[in-house]
Amino acid sequence: MVEVKAIRFGDSFKYKGLINCKELYKIIDSWLKQNGYDKIEIWNFEEIYEDGKQITLKLQPYKKISDYAKIEIRLNMVLSKMKDVVVTKDKVKIKVQKGEGSFKFDVFLTTDYEGSWESKPLYYFLKTIAEKFLYRGLIDRYEDIAHKDADALKREIKSFLNMERFRN
């Protein structure tokens, strides 16, 4: 049976300032590719309100770390009150957005994602015993990898946003 364990749930941060949305998407995509994640985009839409645009993006990248386990990072990103502004950098005018951003990270470890241990009750029992006693160290190592990857992605986004803060 596929088992999903929440490693980190509701880890979030907020940002207010200049955001180059296209560059932010590129940074996230680049990080995911460099770290072996396959990206699944659940939704990506833009709404226009009186106080500016709102962009909502939900990504669900995953990385298979073995034939038995995979890591999934769910990233919910809401950019609100976005208004276009033009800033000058090195005598070149660049169109960016000014607004607020909310980023939420949920991290999960999925074991037996192919369901190979659920065909018979005896296999399920053996899987439970093996996970509890034999593979505990391996599962703990997978959880550490999930924590480190989520922290690295969060740092990458934060560092990009802090660079954007000093543009104008």
Protein backbone atom coordinates (compact mmCIF):
# COMPACT_ATOMS: atom_id res chain seq x y z
CA MET A 1 0.00 0.00 0.00
CA VAL A 2 1.30 3.43 -0.89
CA GLU A 3 2.19 5.29 2.27
CA VAL A 4 2.66 9.03 2.36
CA LYS A 5 4.46 10.53 5.35
CA ALA A 6 4.35 14.28 5.95
CA ILE A 7 7.92 15.36 6.58
CA ARG A 8 7.19 19.08 6.78
CA PHE A 9 3.79 20.72 6.59
CA GLY A 10 2.90 24.41 6.40
CA ASP A 11 6.43 25.82 6.21
CA SER A 12 5.95 29.28 4.74
CA PHE A 13 7.29 32.78 4.33
CA LYS A 14 6.02 36.09 2.97
CA TYR A 15 7.68 38.74 0.84
CA LYS A 16 6.80 42.29 -0.14
CA GLY A 17 8.65 44.23 -2.82
CA LEU A 18 9.85 43.93 -6.40
CA ILE A 19 9.42 40.57 -8.11
CA ASN A 20 10.45 39.59 -11.61
CA CYS A 21 7.94 36.76 -12.14
CA LYS A 22 9.56 35.32 -15.27
CA GLU A 23 12.95 35.15 -13.59
CA LEU A 24 11.41 33.62 -10.46
CA TYR A 25 9.84 30.85 -12.56
CA LYS A 26 13.19 30.28 -14.29
CA ILE A 27 15.02 30.05 -10.96
CA ILE A 28 12.54 27.48 -9.62
CA ASP A 29 12.63 25.42 -12.84
CA SER A 30 16.41 25.53 -12.93
CA TRP A 31 16.71 24.39 -9.31
CA LEU A 32 14.28 21.52 -9.89
CA LYS A 33 16.18 20.32 -12.97
CA GLN A 34 19.59 20.58 -11.27
CA ASN A 35 18.39 18.55 -8.31
CA GLY A 36 16.67 15.78 -10.28
CA TYR A 37 13.03 16.70 -9.70
CA ASP A 38 10.27 16.14 -12.23
CA LYS A 39 7.90 19.09 -12.18
CA ILE A 40 4.14 18.73 -12.11
CA GLU A 41 2.22 21.99 -12.36
CA ILE A 42 -1.16 21.53 -10.67
CA TRP A 43 -2.42 24.99 -11.44
CA ASN A 44 -1.16 28.32 -12.68
CA PHE A 45 -3.60 31.14 -13.18
CA GLU A 46 -3.77 34.88 -13.08
CA GLU A 47 -6.66 37.02 -11.85
CA ILE A 48 -7.04 40.76 -12.18
CA TYR A 49 -8.47 42.78 -9.29
CA GLU A 50 -8.81 46.49 -8.57
CA ASP A 51 -5.66 46.53 -6.46
CA GLY A 52 -3.60 44.58 -9.01
CA LYS A 53 -3.02 41.12 -10.43
CA GLN A 54 -2.94 37.93 -8.43
CA ILE A 55 -0.89 35.00 -9.71
CA THR A 56 -1.46 31.61 -8.11
CA LEU A 57 0.92 28.75 -8.81
CA LYS A 58 0.85 25.29 -7.33
CA LEU A 59 3.76 22.98 -8.14
CA GLN A 60 4.16 19.39 -7.08
CA PRO A 61 7.68 18.33 -8.05
CA TYR A 62 8.86 14.86 -7.12
CA LYS A 63 12.12 12.94 -7.14
CA LYS A 64 12.42 9.17 -7.13
CA ILE A 65 15.27 8.37 -4.79
CA SER A 66 14.90 4.60 -5.15
CA ASP A 67 12.51 2.05 -6.62
CA TYR A 68 10.74 2.14 -3.27
CA ALA A 69 10.63 5.79 -2.17
CA LYS A 70 10.13 9.24 -3.65
CA ILE A 71 10.20 12.77 -2.28
CA GLU A 72 7.47 15.24 -3.13
CA ILE A 73 7.66 18.98 -2.46
CA ARG A 74 4.38 20.84 -2.80
CA LEU A 75 4.94 24.54 -3.42
CA ASN A 76 2.00 26.92 -3.23
CA MET A 77 2.90 30.40 -4.40
CA VAL A 78 0.49 33.35 -4.35
CA LEU A 79 1.67 36.68 -5.73
CA SER A 80 -0.92 39.35 -4.98
CA LYS A 81 -1.40 43.09 -5.51
CA MET A 82 1.02 42.86 -8.43
CA LYS A 83 1.47 46.04 -10.44
CA ASP A 84 3.89 46.55 -13.29
CA VAL A 85 6.74 48.99 -12.67
CA VAL A 86 9.78 49.94 -14.71
CA VAL A 87 13.17 50.05 -13.01
CA THR A 88 16.53 51.05 -14.41
CA LYS A 89 19.48 48.73 -13.98
CA ASP A 90 22.80 49.53 -15.63
CA LYS A 91 21.08 52.16 -17.82
CA VAL A 92 18.62 49.53 -19.09
CA LYS A 93 14.93 49.75 -18.31
CA ILE A 94 13.41 46.51 -17.02
CA LYS A 95 9.74 45.77 -16.52
CA VAL A 96 9.11 44.03 -13.16
CA GLN A 97 6.20 43.69 -10.79
CA LYS A 98 5.73 45.14 -7.34
CA GLY A 99 3.55 43.34 -4.85
CA GLU A 100 3.32 40.73 -2.14
CA GLY A 101 4.24 37.08 -2.23
CA SER A 102 3.27 34.15 -0.07
CA PHE A 103 5.17 30.86 -0.38
CA LYS A 104 4.15 27.63 1.34
CA PHE A 105 6.13 24.38 1.31
CA ASP A 106 4.80 20.92 2.19
CA VAL A 107 7.20 17.98 1.97
CA PHE A 108 6.20 14.31 1.77
CA LEU A 109 7.98 10.98 1.60
CA THR A 110 6.06 8.34 -0.35
CA THR A 111 7.06 4.72 0.12
CA ASP A 112 6.01 1.78 -2.05
CA TYR A 113 4.71 4.24 -4.64
CA GLU A 114 4.32 1.46 -7.22
CA GLY A 115 2.22 -0.66 -4.86
CA SER A 116 4.40 -3.73 -5.26
CA TRP A 117 4.03 -4.79 -1.61
CA GLU A 118 0.25 -4.72 -1.43
CA SER A 119 -0.65 -7.70 -3.60
CA LYS A 120 -0.91 -10.14 -0.67
CA PRO A 121 -1.49 -9.63 3.06
CA LEU A 122 1.74 -11.49 3.88
CA TYR A 123 3.76 -9.07 1.72
CA TYR A 124 2.17 -6.10 3.46
CA PHE A 125 3.03 -7.58 6.85
CA LEU A 126 6.62 -8.25 5.78
CA LYS A 127 6.90 -4.70 4.42
CA THR A 128 5.75 -3.26 7.75
CA ILE A 129 8.27 -5.36 9.68
CA ALA A 130 11.07 -4.52 7.23
CA GLU A 131 10.38 -0.77 7.43
CA LYS A 132 10.20 -0.81 11.20
CA PHE A 133 13.35 -2.82 11.87
CA LEU A 134 15.53 -3.33 8.79
CA TYR A 135 15.09 -0.16 6.75
CA ARG A 136 14.60 2.38 9.53
CA GLY A 137 18.02 3.95 8.88
CA LEU A 138 17.35 4.13 5.15
CA ILE A 139 13.94 5.77 5.69
CA ASP A 140 15.54 8.27 8.09
CA ARG A 141 18.17 9.09 5.45
CA TYR A 142 15.43 9.67 2.86
CA GLU A 143 13.68 12.03 5.30
CA ASP A 144 16.95 13.95 5.77
CA ILE A 145 17.29 14.29 1.99
CA ALA A 146 13.73 15.62 1.81
CA HIS A 147 14.44 18.21 4.54
CA LYS A 148 17.66 19.34 2.89
CA ASP A 149 16.07 19.65 -0.56
CA ALA A 150 13.13 21.65 0.77
CA ASP A 151 15.46 23.95 2.69
CA ALA A 152 17.65 24.43 -0.39
CA LEU A 153 14.67 25.33 -2.61
CA LYS A 154 13.37 27.74 0.02
CA ARG A 155 16.82 29.38 0.33
CA GLU A 156 17.08 29.65 -3.46
CA ILE A 157 13.75 31.49 -3.70
CA LYS A 158 14.51 33.72 -0.70
CA SER A 159 17.93 34.68 -2.03
CA PHE A 160 16.44 35.56 -5.43
CA LEU A 161 13.75 37.71 -3.78
CA ASN A 162 16.30 39.47 -1.60
CA MET A 163 18.32 40.29 -4.71
CA GLU A 164 15.17 41.77 -6.22
CA ARG A 165 14.65 43.95 -3.17
CA PHE A 166 17.69 46.10 -3.97
CA ARG A 167 17.02 46.62 -7.67
CA ASN A 168 15.42 50.06 -7.67
